[in-house]
Amino acid sequence: MGHGPATFKETDVKRAVRAVTDAGQSVAGVRFHRDGGFTVVIGKPGEAVKLNAWDEVLEGQHGQN
């Protein structure tokens, strides 16, 4: 079952990542949300980053649906 169309385009993600790097920060990754949005995660590339304390709980539910 799909989650519906994304509310952004690839160019939006590239533009956001470029803005972060232009600001002198490193991008650890990009998280894509079920609601169609995304978050650019700041940190060292490949570094495990938690956005908040609920990440572990929510990640555990992905295989249960």
Protein backbone atom coordinates (compact mmCIF):
# COMPACT_ATOMS: atom_id res chain seq x y z
CA MET A 1 0.00 0.00 0.00
CA GLY A 2 1.38 3.40 -0.99
CA HIS A 3 1.46 6.46 1.19
CA GLY A 4 0.33 8.88 -1.50
CA PRO A 5 2.34 11.23 -3.65
CA ALA A 6 5.24 13.18 -2.25
CA THR A 7 4.60 16.86 -1.65
CA PHE A 8 8.04 17.79 -2.99
CA LYS A 9 10.27 17.16 -5.99
CA GLU A 10 13.85 15.92 -6.23
CA THR A 11 14.99 19.48 -6.92
CA ASP A 12 13.46 20.55 -3.58
CA VAL A 13 15.61 18.00 -1.74
CA LYS A 14 18.74 19.01 -3.67
CA ARG A 15 18.04 22.68 -2.95
CA ALA A 16 17.62 22.01 0.78
CA VAL A 17 20.82 19.94 0.97
CA ARG A 18 22.72 22.64 -0.92
CA ALA A 19 21.42 25.30 1.49
CA VAL A 20 22.70 23.29 4.47
CA THR A 21 26.13 22.76 2.92
CA ASP A 22 26.33 26.41 1.82
CA ALA A 23 25.71 27.31 5.48
CA GLY A 24 28.87 25.36 6.37
CA GLN A 25 27.17 22.29 7.84
CA SER A 26 27.61 18.62 6.90
CA VAL A 27 24.63 16.54 5.82
CA ALA A 28 24.33 13.16 7.54
CA GLY A 29 21.32 12.20 5.45
CA VAL A 30 17.78 12.96 4.45
CA ARG A 31 14.76 11.41 6.16
CA PHE A 32 11.55 11.02 4.20
CA HIS A 33 8.30 11.09 6.14
CA ARG A 34 5.11 9.17 5.56
CA ASP A 35 3.17 12.43 5.32
CA GLY A 36 5.12 13.33 2.17
CA GLY A 37 7.67 15.67 3.71
CA PHE A 38 11.38 15.35 4.39
CA THR A 39 14.03 16.46 6.87
CA VAL A 40 17.69 17.18 6.15
CA VAL A 41 19.72 15.66 8.99
CA ILE A 42 22.79 17.69 9.94
CA GLY A 43 25.89 15.83 11.10
CA LYS A 44 28.77 13.76 9.81
CA PRO A 45 27.85 11.58 6.80
CA GLY A 46 27.17 7.99 7.86
CA GLU A 47 26.77 9.00 11.50
CA ALA A 48 23.78 7.49 13.27
CA VAL A 49 21.56 10.41 14.15
CA LYS A 50 18.31 10.44 16.11
CA LEU A 51 15.92 13.26 15.40
CA ASN A 52 14.13 12.69 18.71
CA ALA A 53 13.47 10.07 21.39
CA TRP A 54 10.53 8.57 19.43
CA ASP A 55 12.68 7.51 16.45
CA GLU A 56 13.45 4.07 17.90
CA VAL A 57 9.80 3.44 18.73
CA LEU A 58 8.57 4.49 15.29
CA GLU A 59 11.30 2.62 13.42
CA GLY A 60 10.27 -0.57 15.23
CA GLN A 61 6.74 -0.23 13.83
CA HIS A 62 7.71 -0.18 10.13
CA GLY A 63 7.62 -3.96 9.76
CA GLN A 64 4.42 -4.41 11.79
CA ASN A 65 1.93 -2.76 9.39
